[in-house]
Amino acid sequence: MTDEQRDPLAHACELVGRFFYHFSRMEEQLNAAIARLFKLEGRYAQTVTALMNINAKIDAIAMALSQGKFSVNTEALIDDIRGMNHPVRTTVAHYVFEPEEDGVRFTRVTATRGKFKEEQPHLSKADFEDHYKELERLTGELKQIVTELKPDEVTWPIGAGWAEPSRAARFAVAQMSDFMLGSSEALLASQKDKGRRKR
């Protein structure tokens, strides 16, 4: 069946769905990088990365990559990931969409200081295909980065030495610190409870 013979809505949904498939594969590698950076495994890694928004993940990884040497251009990689997250992902994720011509028409209305603004970006099938290829490339480069990361060589200067820290990055590190502290306290409480039950 050709694209012309298919139901337009089904085709639009497939284009959007495939985008999120590829994006999720890329974010999976961001999660793997976070887990390696902070030496997290299993449920600890899953819980910490679930608590972090994608901007916090990108900022934390960017700080680490700025301190080492890697086989890929890390500055370009981070810039490309940011660009794929916004405006591309935010448009596909948060705008209302309808099938149009050979692709998808997105619509979003915002109101700022009493003024309404309507945006209607259009992504063709070719645009989506380009995004799929770009996401595959970013996923592959992140996978390579994960193998080259050396957590013990990364410094996290959260004190006065950290010049103009990113709010998202600080939040990410704070989340992880709070989570690890909370996990330790929960474990101690659980052990005390088990001790009382045995008596």
N, C-alpha and C. Protein backbone atom coordinates (compact mmCIF):
# COMPACT_ATOMS: atom_id res chain seq x y z
N MET A 1 0.84 -1.20 0.00
CA MET A 1 0.00 0.00 0.00
C MET A 1 0.88 1.24 0.00
N THR A 2 0.63 2.16 -0.91
CA THR A 2 1.41 3.39 -0.99
C THR A 2 0.91 4.40 0.02
N ASP A 3 1.72 5.46 0.26
CA ASP A 3 1.31 6.49 1.20
C ASP A 3 0.02 7.16 0.76
N GLU A 4 -0.18 7.29 -0.58
CA GLU A 4 -1.38 7.93 -1.11
C GLU A 4 -2.63 7.13 -0.82
N GLN A 5 -2.49 5.79 -0.68
CA GLN A 5 -3.64 4.93 -0.46
C GLN A 5 -3.97 4.76 1.03
N ARG A 6 -3.09 5.19 1.90
CA ARG A 6 -3.29 4.98 3.33
C ARG A 6 -4.20 6.05 3.92
N ASP A 7 -4.79 5.69 5.07
CA ASP A 7 -5.58 6.66 5.82
C ASP A 7 -4.65 7.76 6.30
N PRO A 8 -4.92 9.03 5.98
CA PRO A 8 -4.03 10.13 6.35
C PRO A 8 -3.73 10.22 7.85
N LEU A 9 -4.76 9.98 8.68
CA LEU A 9 -4.54 10.06 10.13
C LEU A 9 -3.62 8.95 10.60
N ALA A 10 -3.81 7.74 10.06
CA ALA A 10 -2.95 6.62 10.43
C ALA A 10 -1.50 6.91 10.04
N HIS A 11 -1.33 7.52 8.88
CA HIS A 11 0.02 7.86 8.43
C HIS A 11 0.66 8.90 9.33
N ALA A 12 -0.12 9.94 9.71
CA ALA A 12 0.39 10.98 10.60
C ALA A 12 0.77 10.40 11.96
N CYS A 13 -0.07 9.51 12.47
CA CYS A 13 0.22 8.89 13.77
C CYS A 13 1.47 8.01 13.71
N GLU A 14 1.67 7.35 12.57
CA GLU A 14 2.86 6.53 12.42
C GLU A 14 4.12 7.40 12.41
N LEU A 15 4.06 8.53 11.70
CA LEU A 15 5.21 9.42 11.65
C LEU A 15 5.57 9.93 13.05
N VAL A 16 4.55 10.35 13.80
CA VAL A 16 4.77 10.85 15.15
C VAL A 16 5.26 9.72 16.07
N GLY A 17 4.63 8.55 15.96
CA GLY A 17 5.02 7.41 16.80
C GLY A 17 6.45 6.96 16.55
N ARG A 18 6.86 6.94 15.29
CA ARG A 18 8.23 6.54 14.97
C ARG A 18 9.23 7.55 15.51
N PHE A 19 8.84 8.83 15.51
CA PHE A 19 9.73 9.84 16.08
C PHE A 19 10.00 9.53 17.55
N PHE A 20 8.94 9.24 18.30
CA PHE A 20 9.13 8.96 19.72
C PHE A 20 9.86 7.65 19.97
N TYR A 21 9.71 6.70 19.07
CA TYR A 21 10.49 5.46 19.20
C TYR A 21 11.97 5.80 19.14
N HIS A 22 12.38 6.56 18.14
CA HIS A 22 13.80 6.89 17.98
C HIS A 22 14.28 7.81 19.10
N PHE A 23 13.42 8.75 19.52
CA PHE A 23 13.82 9.66 20.59
C PHE A 23 14.02 8.88 21.90
N SER A 24 13.15 7.93 22.17
CA SER A 24 13.27 7.15 23.41
C SER A 24 14.55 6.32 23.42
N ARG A 25 14.97 5.86 22.25
CA ARG A 25 16.23 5.11 22.17
C ARG A 25 17.41 6.02 22.50
N MET A 26 17.34 7.27 22.05
CA MET A 26 18.39 8.22 22.37
C MET A 26 18.40 8.53 23.88
N GLU A 27 17.20 8.75 24.44
CA GLU A 27 17.14 9.06 25.87
C GLU A 27 17.60 7.88 26.71
N GLU A 28 17.41 6.69 26.21
CA GLU A 28 17.90 5.50 26.91
C GLU A 28 19.42 5.58 27.09
N GLN A 29 20.11 6.11 26.08
CA GLN A 29 21.56 6.25 26.18
C GLN A 29 21.95 7.41 27.09
N LEU A 30 21.12 8.46 27.14
CA LEU A 30 21.35 9.51 28.13
C LEU A 30 21.27 8.93 29.54
N ASN A 31 20.29 8.07 29.76
CA ASN A 31 20.13 7.42 31.06
C ASN A 31 21.33 6.54 31.38
N ALA A 32 21.84 5.85 30.37
CA ALA A 32 23.00 4.98 30.57
C ALA A 32 24.23 5.82 30.94
N ALA A 33 24.35 7.00 30.33
CA ALA A 33 25.47 7.88 30.64
C ALA A 33 25.37 8.40 32.08
N ILE A 34 24.16 8.77 32.51
CA ILE A 34 23.95 9.22 33.88
C ILE A 34 24.29 8.10 34.87
N ALA A 35 23.83 6.91 34.57
CA ALA A 35 24.10 5.77 35.45
C ALA A 35 25.60 5.52 35.57
N ARG A 36 26.32 5.62 34.47
CA ARG A 36 27.77 5.40 34.51
C ARG A 36 28.48 6.51 35.26
N LEU A 37 28.06 7.75 35.02
CA LEU A 37 28.69 8.89 35.68
C LEU A 37 28.61 8.80 37.19
N PHE A 38 27.44 8.37 37.69
CA PHE A 38 27.22 8.35 39.13
C PHE A 38 27.28 6.93 39.71
N LYS A 39 27.79 6.02 38.89
CA LYS A 39 28.01 4.63 39.33
C LYS A 39 26.75 4.02 39.94
N LEU A 40 25.66 4.14 39.19
CA LEU A 40 24.37 3.61 39.64
C LEU A 40 24.04 2.34 38.87
N GLU A 41 23.40 1.42 39.52
CA GLU A 41 23.02 0.17 38.87
C GLU A 41 21.57 -0.18 39.22
N GLY A 42 20.98 -0.99 38.36
CA GLY A 42 19.65 -1.53 38.62
C GLY A 42 18.60 -0.49 38.93
N ARG A 43 17.87 -0.73 40.03
CA ARG A 43 16.76 0.16 40.38
C ARG A 43 17.23 1.56 40.76
N TYR A 44 18.46 1.67 41.30
CA TYR A 44 18.97 2.99 41.64
C TYR A 44 19.09 3.83 40.38
N ALA A 45 19.65 3.26 39.32
CA ALA A 45 19.80 3.98 38.05
C ALA A 45 18.44 4.33 37.46
N GLN A 46 17.53 3.39 37.50
CA GLN A 46 16.20 3.62 36.93
C GLN A 46 15.45 4.70 37.69
N THR A 47 15.57 4.71 39.01
CA THR A 47 14.84 5.67 39.81
C THR A 47 15.41 7.08 39.65
N VAL A 48 16.73 7.20 39.70
CA VAL A 48 17.36 8.51 39.57
C VAL A 48 17.08 9.13 38.21
N THR A 49 17.23 8.37 37.14
CA THR A 49 16.99 8.93 35.80
C THR A 49 15.51 9.24 35.60
N ALA A 50 14.63 8.50 36.27
CA ALA A 50 13.19 8.79 36.16
C ALA A 50 12.86 10.12 36.84
N LEU A 51 13.62 10.48 37.87
CA LEU A 51 13.38 11.73 38.60
C LEU A 51 13.91 12.95 37.86
N MET A 52 14.79 12.74 36.90
CA MET A 52 15.43 13.85 36.20
C MET A 52 14.70 14.18 34.90
N ASN A 53 14.47 15.46 34.65
CA ASN A 53 13.94 15.82 33.35
C ASN A 53 15.08 15.79 32.33
N ILE A 54 14.75 15.82 31.07
CA ILE A 54 15.78 15.60 30.05
C ILE A 54 16.81 16.73 30.02
N ASN A 55 16.41 17.96 30.34
CA ASN A 55 17.37 19.05 30.36
C ASN A 55 18.41 18.86 31.46
N ALA A 56 17.98 18.35 32.60
CA ALA A 56 18.91 18.08 33.70
C ALA A 56 19.90 16.98 33.29
N LYS A 57 19.41 15.97 32.59
CA LYS A 57 20.30 14.90 32.11
C LYS A 57 21.34 15.45 31.15
N ILE A 58 20.89 16.24 30.20
CA ILE A 58 21.80 16.80 29.20
C ILE A 58 22.84 17.69 29.87
N ASP A 59 22.42 18.54 30.82
CA ASP A 59 23.36 19.44 31.48
C ASP A 59 24.39 18.68 32.30
N ALA A 60 23.95 17.65 33.02
CA ALA A 60 24.89 16.87 33.82
C ALA A 60 25.91 16.17 32.93
N ILE A 61 25.46 15.59 31.83
CA ILE A 61 26.36 14.91 30.91
C ILE A 61 27.30 15.91 30.24
N ALA A 62 26.79 17.09 29.88
CA ALA A 62 27.61 18.11 29.24
C ALA A 62 28.77 18.53 30.15
N MET A 63 28.50 18.67 31.46
CA MET A 63 29.56 19.04 32.38
C MET A 63 30.65 17.98 32.43
N ALA A 64 30.24 16.73 32.42
CA ALA A 64 31.21 15.64 32.47
C ALA A 64 32.02 15.57 31.18
N LEU A 65 31.36 15.73 30.05
CA LEU A 65 32.05 15.63 28.76
C LEU A 65 33.04 16.77 28.56
N SER A 66 32.80 17.91 29.19
CA SER A 66 33.70 19.05 29.03
C SER A 66 35.05 18.82 29.71
N GLN A 67 35.14 17.74 30.53
CA GLN A 67 36.36 17.51 31.29
C GLN A 67 37.23 16.38 30.73
N GLY A 68 36.81 15.76 29.64
CA GLY A 68 37.58 14.63 29.12
C GLY A 68 37.78 14.70 27.63
N LYS A 69 38.47 13.69 27.11
CA LYS A 69 38.70 13.57 25.68
C LYS A 69 37.94 12.36 25.16
N PHE A 70 37.23 12.54 24.06
CA PHE A 70 36.39 11.49 23.53
C PHE A 70 36.58 11.39 22.01
N SER A 71 36.16 10.27 21.47
CA SER A 71 36.35 10.01 20.05
C SER A 71 35.32 10.71 19.17
N VAL A 72 34.33 11.36 19.79
CA VAL A 72 33.33 12.12 19.03
C VAL A 72 33.40 13.58 19.47
N ASN A 73 32.87 14.45 18.64
CA ASN A 73 32.83 15.88 18.96
C ASN A 73 31.72 16.09 19.99
N THR A 74 32.10 16.15 21.26
CA THR A 74 31.11 16.18 22.33
C THR A 74 30.32 17.49 22.37
N GLU A 75 30.99 18.59 22.03
CA GLU A 75 30.28 19.88 22.04
C GLU A 75 29.17 19.89 20.99
N ALA A 76 29.50 19.39 19.78
CA ALA A 76 28.49 19.32 18.72
C ALA A 76 27.39 18.33 19.09
N LEU A 77 27.78 17.23 19.73
CA LEU A 77 26.81 16.21 20.15
C LEU A 77 25.78 16.80 21.10
N ILE A 78 26.25 17.51 22.12
CA ILE A 78 25.34 18.12 23.09
C ILE A 78 24.44 19.15 22.43
N ASP A 79 25.01 19.97 21.55
CA ASP A 79 24.22 20.98 20.84
C ASP A 79 23.13 20.33 20.00
N ASP A 80 23.49 19.23 19.33
CA ASP A 80 22.51 18.55 18.47
C ASP A 80 21.41 17.88 19.29
N ILE A 81 21.77 17.36 20.46
CA ILE A 81 20.76 16.76 21.33
C ILE A 81 19.79 17.83 21.84
N ARG A 82 20.35 18.97 22.24
CA ARG A 82 19.49 20.07 22.70
C ARG A 82 18.54 20.50 21.58
N GLY A 83 19.07 20.62 20.37
CA GLY A 83 18.24 21.04 19.25
C GLY A 83 17.16 20.03 18.91
N MET A 84 17.46 18.76 19.09
CA MET A 84 16.45 17.74 18.83
C MET A 84 15.37 17.74 19.91
N ASN A 85 15.79 18.05 21.15
CA ASN A 85 14.82 18.11 22.23
C ASN A 85 13.90 19.33 22.09
N HIS A 86 14.50 20.46 21.76
CA HIS A 86 13.71 21.68 21.56
C HIS A 86 14.29 22.47 20.40
N PRO A 87 13.52 22.75 19.38
CA PRO A 87 12.05 22.71 19.39
C PRO A 87 11.41 21.44 18.83
N VAL A 88 12.20 20.49 18.32
CA VAL A 88 11.58 19.38 17.60
C VAL A 88 10.70 18.52 18.51
N ARG A 89 11.29 17.96 19.59
CA ARG A 89 10.50 17.08 20.46
C ARG A 89 9.34 17.82 21.12
N THR A 90 9.60 19.05 21.59
CA THR A 90 8.53 19.78 22.26
C THR A 90 7.36 20.05 21.31
N THR A 91 7.67 20.28 20.05
CA THR A 91 6.60 20.49 19.07
C THR A 91 5.80 19.22 18.86
N VAL A 92 6.49 18.11 18.62
CA VAL A 92 5.81 16.84 18.36
C VAL A 92 5.05 16.36 19.59
N ALA A 93 5.59 16.65 20.77
CA ALA A 93 4.97 16.15 22.01
C ALA A 93 3.82 17.01 22.50
N HIS A 94 3.90 18.32 22.34
CA HIS A 94 2.96 19.21 23.02
C HIS A 94 2.01 19.98 22.12
N TYR A 95 2.21 19.92 20.82
CA TYR A 95 1.30 20.62 19.92
C TYR A 95 0.21 19.65 19.45
N VAL A 96 -0.98 20.19 19.24
CA VAL A 96 -2.05 19.41 18.62
C VAL A 96 -1.63 19.13 17.18
N PHE A 97 -1.90 17.91 16.68
CA PHE A 97 -1.49 17.64 15.30
C PHE A 97 -2.61 17.01 14.47
N GLU A 98 -2.53 17.26 13.18
CA GLU A 98 -3.47 16.71 12.21
C GLU A 98 -2.69 16.35 10.95
N PRO A 99 -3.18 15.35 10.21
CA PRO A 99 -2.51 15.03 8.93
C PRO A 99 -2.69 16.17 7.94
N GLU A 100 -1.63 16.44 7.19
CA GLU A 100 -1.73 17.47 6.16
C GLU A 100 -0.75 17.16 5.03
N GLU A 101 -1.26 17.15 3.81
CA GLU A 101 -0.44 16.90 2.63
C GLU A 101 0.41 15.65 2.83
N ASP A 102 1.74 15.79 2.74
CA ASP A 102 2.60 14.61 2.86
C ASP A 102 3.16 14.43 4.26
N GLY A 103 2.57 15.11 5.25
CA GLY A 103 3.12 15.02 6.59
C GLY A 103 2.14 15.36 7.68
N VAL A 104 2.58 16.20 8.61
CA VAL A 104 1.78 16.52 9.79
C VAL A 104 1.81 18.03 10.05
N ARG A 105 0.66 18.59 10.35
CA ARG A 105 0.56 19.99 10.74
C ARG A 105 0.34 20.08 12.24
N PHE A 106 1.20 20.82 12.92
CA PHE A 106 1.10 20.99 14.37
C PHE A 106 0.56 22.38 14.68
N THR A 107 -0.22 22.48 15.75
CA THR A 107 -0.81 23.77 16.11
C THR A 107 -0.71 24.00 17.61
N ARG A 108 -0.30 25.22 17.96
CA ARG A 108 -0.26 25.58 19.37
C ARG A 108 -0.60 27.05 19.52
N VAL A 109 -1.48 27.35 20.47
CA VAL A 109 -1.86 28.73 20.75
C VAL A 109 -1.35 29.09 22.14
N THR A 110 -0.65 30.21 22.24
CA THR A 110 -0.15 30.69 23.53
C THR A 110 -0.67 32.09 23.80
N ALA A 111 -0.72 32.44 25.08
CA ALA A 111 -1.17 33.78 25.47
C ALA A 111 -0.14 34.38 26.42
N THR A 112 0.47 35.46 26.00
CA THR A 112 1.47 36.14 26.82
C THR A 112 1.11 37.62 26.93
N ARG A 113 0.96 38.07 28.17
CA ARG A 113 0.61 39.48 28.42
C ARG A 113 -0.62 39.92 27.62
N GLY A 114 -1.60 39.06 27.57
CA GLY A 114 -2.85 39.40 26.91
C GLY A 114 -2.83 39.28 25.40
N LYS A 115 -1.72 38.81 24.84
CA LYS A 115 -1.62 38.68 23.39
C LYS A 115 -1.57 37.20 23.00
N PHE A 116 -2.42 36.82 22.05
CA PHE A 116 -2.47 35.45 21.59
C PHE A 116 -1.53 35.27 20.40
N LYS A 117 -0.90 34.09 20.38
CA LYS A 117 0.01 33.77 19.29
C LYS A 117 -0.25 32.34 18.85
N GLU A 118 -0.42 32.14 17.57
CA GLU A 118 -0.66 30.80 17.04
C GLU A 118 0.53 30.36 16.18
N GLU A 119 1.02 29.16 16.47
CA GLU A 119 2.11 28.59 15.69
C GLU A 119 1.57 27.35 14.97
N GLN A 120 1.95 27.18 13.72
CA GLN A 120 1.50 26.02 12.94
C GLN A 120 2.63 25.44 12.09
N PRO A 121 3.65 24.89 12.76
CA PRO A 121 4.74 24.30 11.99
C PRO A 121 4.28 23.03 11.26
N HIS A 122 4.86 22.78 10.09
CA HIS A 122 4.54 21.59 9.30
C HIS A 122 5.79 20.75 9.14
N LEU A 123 5.65 19.46 9.40
CA LEU A 123 6.75 18.52 9.19
C LEU A 123 6.32 17.52 8.12
N SER A 124 7.07 17.46 7.04
CA SER A 124 6.77 16.53 5.97
C SER A 124 7.33 15.15 6.31
N LYS A 125 6.96 14.16 5.50
CA LYS A 125 7.51 12.83 5.70
C LYS A 125 9.03 12.87 5.60
N ALA A 126 9.55 13.66 4.66
CA ALA A 126 11.01 13.78 4.50
C ALA A 126 11.65 14.39 5.75
N ASP A 127 10.96 15.39 6.36
CA ASP A 127 11.47 15.99 7.60
C ASP A 127 11.57 14.93 8.70
N PHE A 128 10.51 14.13 8.84
CA PHE A 128 10.52 13.08 9.85
C PHE A 128 11.64 12.07 9.59
N GLU A 129 11.82 11.69 8.33
CA GLU A 129 12.87 10.73 7.99
C GLU A 129 14.25 11.30 8.36
N ASP A 130 14.45 12.60 8.14
CA ASP A 130 15.71 13.23 8.52
C ASP A 130 15.90 13.18 10.03
N HIS A 131 14.82 13.42 10.78
CA HIS A 131 14.91 13.36 12.24
C HIS A 131 15.21 11.94 12.72
N TYR A 132 14.63 10.94 12.08
CA TYR A 132 14.91 9.56 12.47
C TYR A 132 16.39 9.25 12.30
N LYS A 133 16.95 9.66 11.18
CA LYS A 133 18.37 9.40 10.90
C LYS A 133 19.27 10.15 11.88
N GLU A 134 18.89 11.39 12.17
CA GLU A 134 19.66 12.18 13.12
C GLU A 134 19.62 11.56 14.51
N LEU A 135 18.46 11.10 14.93
CA LEU A 135 18.33 10.46 16.25
C LEU A 135 19.13 9.16 16.32
N GLU A 136 19.17 8.42 15.24
CA GLU A 136 19.99 7.20 15.20
C GLU A 136 21.46 7.54 15.35
N ARG A 137 21.90 8.62 14.69
CA ARG A 137 23.29 9.05 14.81
C ARG A 137 23.62 9.47 16.24
N LEU A 138 22.74 10.28 16.84
CA LEU A 138 22.96 10.74 18.21
C LEU A 138 22.98 9.57 19.19
N THR A 139 22.10 8.61 18.96
CA THR A 139 22.06 7.42 19.83
C THR A 139 23.38 6.65 19.74
N GLY A 140 23.90 6.49 18.53
CA GLY A 140 25.15 5.78 18.34
C GLY A 140 26.32 6.50 18.99
N GLU A 141 26.36 7.82 18.87
CA GLU A 141 27.46 8.58 19.47
C GLU A 141 27.38 8.56 20.99
N LEU A 142 26.16 8.63 21.53
CA LEU A 142 26.01 8.54 22.99
C LEU A 142 26.45 7.17 23.50
N LYS A 143 26.11 6.14 22.76
CA LYS A 143 26.51 4.78 23.15
C LYS A 143 28.04 4.69 23.21
N GLN A 144 28.71 5.33 22.25
CA GLN A 144 30.17 5.34 22.26
C GLN A 144 30.70 6.12 23.44
N ILE A 145 30.05 7.25 23.74
CA ILE A 145 30.47 8.08 24.88
C ILE A 145 30.39 7.30 26.18
N VAL A 146 29.33 6.53 26.35
CA VAL A 146 29.13 5.75 27.58
C VAL A 146 30.32 4.82 27.83
N THR A 147 30.85 4.21 26.77
CA THR A 147 31.99 3.30 26.93
C THR A 147 33.28 4.05 27.27
N GLU A 148 33.34 5.34 26.94
CA GLU A 148 34.57 6.10 27.15
C GLU A 148 34.55 6.94 28.42
N LEU A 149 33.40 7.08 29.06
CA LEU A 149 33.30 7.89 30.27
C LEU A 149 34.14 7.30 31.40
N LYS A 150 34.83 8.18 32.13
CA LYS A 150 35.62 7.76 33.29
C LYS A 150 35.12 8.53 34.50
N PRO A 151 34.17 7.97 35.21
CA PRO A 151 33.52 8.68 36.33
C PRO A 151 34.49 9.23 37.37
N ASP A 152 35.56 8.50 37.67
CA ASP A 152 36.49 8.92 38.71
C ASP A 152 37.30 10.16 38.31
N GLU A 153 37.29 10.50 37.03
CA GLU A 153 38.05 11.66 36.57
C GLU A 153 37.17 12.89 36.41
N VAL A 154 35.89 12.76 36.76
CA VAL A 154 34.96 13.88 36.65
C VAL A 154 34.84 14.58 37.99
N THR A 155 34.99 15.90 37.98
CA THR A 155 34.87 16.71 39.19
C THR A 155 33.54 17.44 39.17
N TRP A 156 32.83 17.38 40.30
CA TRP A 156 31.54 18.06 40.40
C TRP A 156 31.68 19.20 41.40
N PRO A 157 32.17 20.35 40.99
CA PRO A 157 32.41 21.48 41.91
C PRO A 157 31.12 22.22 42.25
N ILE A 158 30.37 21.66 43.16
CA ILE A 158 29.07 22.24 43.51
C ILE A 158 29.22 23.49 44.37
N GLY A 159 30.42 23.69 44.95
CA GLY A 159 30.63 24.85 45.81
C GLY A 159 30.94 26.11 45.05
N ALA A 160 31.74 26.98 45.67
CA ALA A 160 32.02 28.30 45.10
C ALA A 160 32.80 28.22 43.80
N GLY A 161 33.50 27.13 43.57
CA GLY A 161 34.31 27.03 42.37
C GLY A 161 33.52 26.78 41.10
N TRP A 162 32.23 26.56 41.22
CA TRP A 162 31.38 26.26 40.05
C TRP A 162 30.83 27.58 39.51
N ALA A 163 31.44 28.07 38.47
CA ALA A 163 31.05 29.37 37.92
C ALA A 163 29.75 29.29 37.14
N GLU A 164 28.79 30.10 37.52
CA GLU A 164 27.50 30.20 36.84
C GLU A 164 26.91 28.84 36.52
N PRO A 165 26.65 28.03 37.52
CA PRO A 165 26.13 26.68 37.27
C PRO A 165 24.74 26.71 36.65
N SER A 166 24.47 25.73 35.82
CA SER A 166 23.14 25.59 35.23
C SER A 166 22.16 25.18 36.32
N ARG A 167 21.01 25.82 36.36
CA ARG A 167 19.99 25.47 37.36
C ARG A 167 19.56 24.02 37.19
N ALA A 168 19.42 23.59 35.94
CA ALA A 168 18.99 22.22 35.69
C ALA A 168 20.04 21.23 36.17
N ALA A 169 21.32 21.58 35.95
CA ALA A 169 22.40 20.68 36.37
C ALA A 169 22.46 20.59 37.89
N ARG A 170 22.32 21.76 38.56
CA ARG A 170 22.34 21.75 40.02
C ARG A 170 21.17 20.92 40.56
N PHE A 171 20.01 21.08 39.91
CA PHE A 171 18.83 20.32 40.32
C PHE A 171 19.07 18.83 40.15
N ALA A 172 19.73 18.46 39.04
CA ALA A 172 20.00 17.05 38.77
C ALA A 172 20.87 16.45 39.86
N VAL A 173 21.97 17.15 40.19
CA VAL A 173 22.87 16.64 41.22
C VAL A 173 22.17 16.60 42.57
N ALA A 174 21.36 17.65 42.87
CA ALA A 174 20.63 17.68 44.13
C ALA A 174 19.64 16.54 44.22
N GLN A 175 18.97 16.24 43.10
CA GLN A 175 18.02 15.14 43.09
C GLN A 175 18.72 13.83 43.42
N MET A 176 19.87 13.63 42.81
CA MET A 176 20.60 12.39 43.05
C MET A 176 21.08 12.31 44.48
N SER A 177 21.55 13.44 45.04
CA SER A 177 22.00 13.45 46.43
C SER A 177 20.84 13.14 47.37
N ASP A 178 19.70 13.80 47.14
CA ASP A 178 18.52 13.56 47.97
C ASP A 178 18.05 12.12 47.87
N PHE A 179 18.10 11.58 46.64
CA PHE A 179 17.63 10.22 46.44
C PHE A 179 18.52 9.23 47.19
N MET A 180 19.84 9.43 47.07
CA MET A 180 20.76 8.50 47.73
C MET A 180 20.61 8.60 49.25
N LEU A 181 20.43 9.84 49.78
CA LEU A 181 20.23 10.02 51.21
C LEU A 181 18.92 9.38 51.64
N GLY A 182 17.87 9.61 50.86
CA GLY A 182 16.57 9.03 51.18
C GLY A 182 16.61 7.52 51.15
N SER A 183 17.34 6.95 50.18
CA SER A 183 17.45 5.50 50.06
C SER A 183 18.17 4.92 51.27
N SER A 184 19.22 5.62 51.72
CA SER A 184 19.98 5.15 52.88
C SER A 184 19.11 5.17 54.13
N GLU A 185 18.35 6.27 54.30
CA GLU A 185 17.49 6.37 55.47
C GLU A 185 16.39 5.32 55.43
N ALA A 186 15.84 5.07 54.26
CA ALA A 186 14.78 4.06 54.12
C ALA A 186 15.33 2.67 54.43
N LEU A 187 16.57 2.43 53.98
CA LEU A 187 17.19 1.12 54.23
C LEU A 187 17.42 0.92 55.72
N LEU A 188 17.92 1.97 56.40
CA LEU A 188 18.15 1.86 57.84
C LEU A 188 16.85 1.64 58.59
N ALA A 189 15.79 2.36 58.18
CA ALA A 189 14.48 2.20 58.82
C ALA A 189 13.95 0.80 58.62
N SER A 190 14.15 0.25 57.42
CA SER A 190 13.69 -1.10 57.12
C SER A 190 14.43 -2.12 57.97
N GLN A 191 15.74 -1.91 58.12
CA GLN A 191 16.54 -2.84 58.92
C GLN A 191 16.13 -2.79 60.39
N LYS A 192 15.85 -1.58 60.89
CA LYS A 192 15.42 -1.44 62.29
C LYS A 192 14.08 -2.13 62.50
N ASP A 193 13.18 -1.99 61.53
CA ASP A 193 11.86 -2.60 61.62
C ASP A 193 11.98 -4.12 61.64
N LYS A 194 12.86 -4.64 60.79
CA LYS A 194 13.06 -6.09 60.76
C LYS A 194 13.62 -6.58 62.09
N GLY A 195 14.51 -5.74 62.69
CA GLY A 195 15.10 -6.11 63.96
C GLY A 195 14.07 -6.18 65.06
N ARG A 196 13.13 -5.21 65.05
CA ARG A 196 12.07 -5.21 66.05
C ARG A 196 11.16 -6.41 65.89
N ARG A 197 10.89 -6.82 64.66
CA ARG A 197 9.99 -7.95 64.42
C ARG A 197 10.59 -9.26 64.89
N LYS A 198 11.91 -9.36 64.84
CA LYS A 198 12.57 -10.60 65.24
C LYS A 198 12.53 -10.78 66.77
N ARG A 199 12.41 -9.64 67.49
CA ARG A 199 12.45 -9.72 68.96
C ARG A 199 11.18 -10.26 69.51
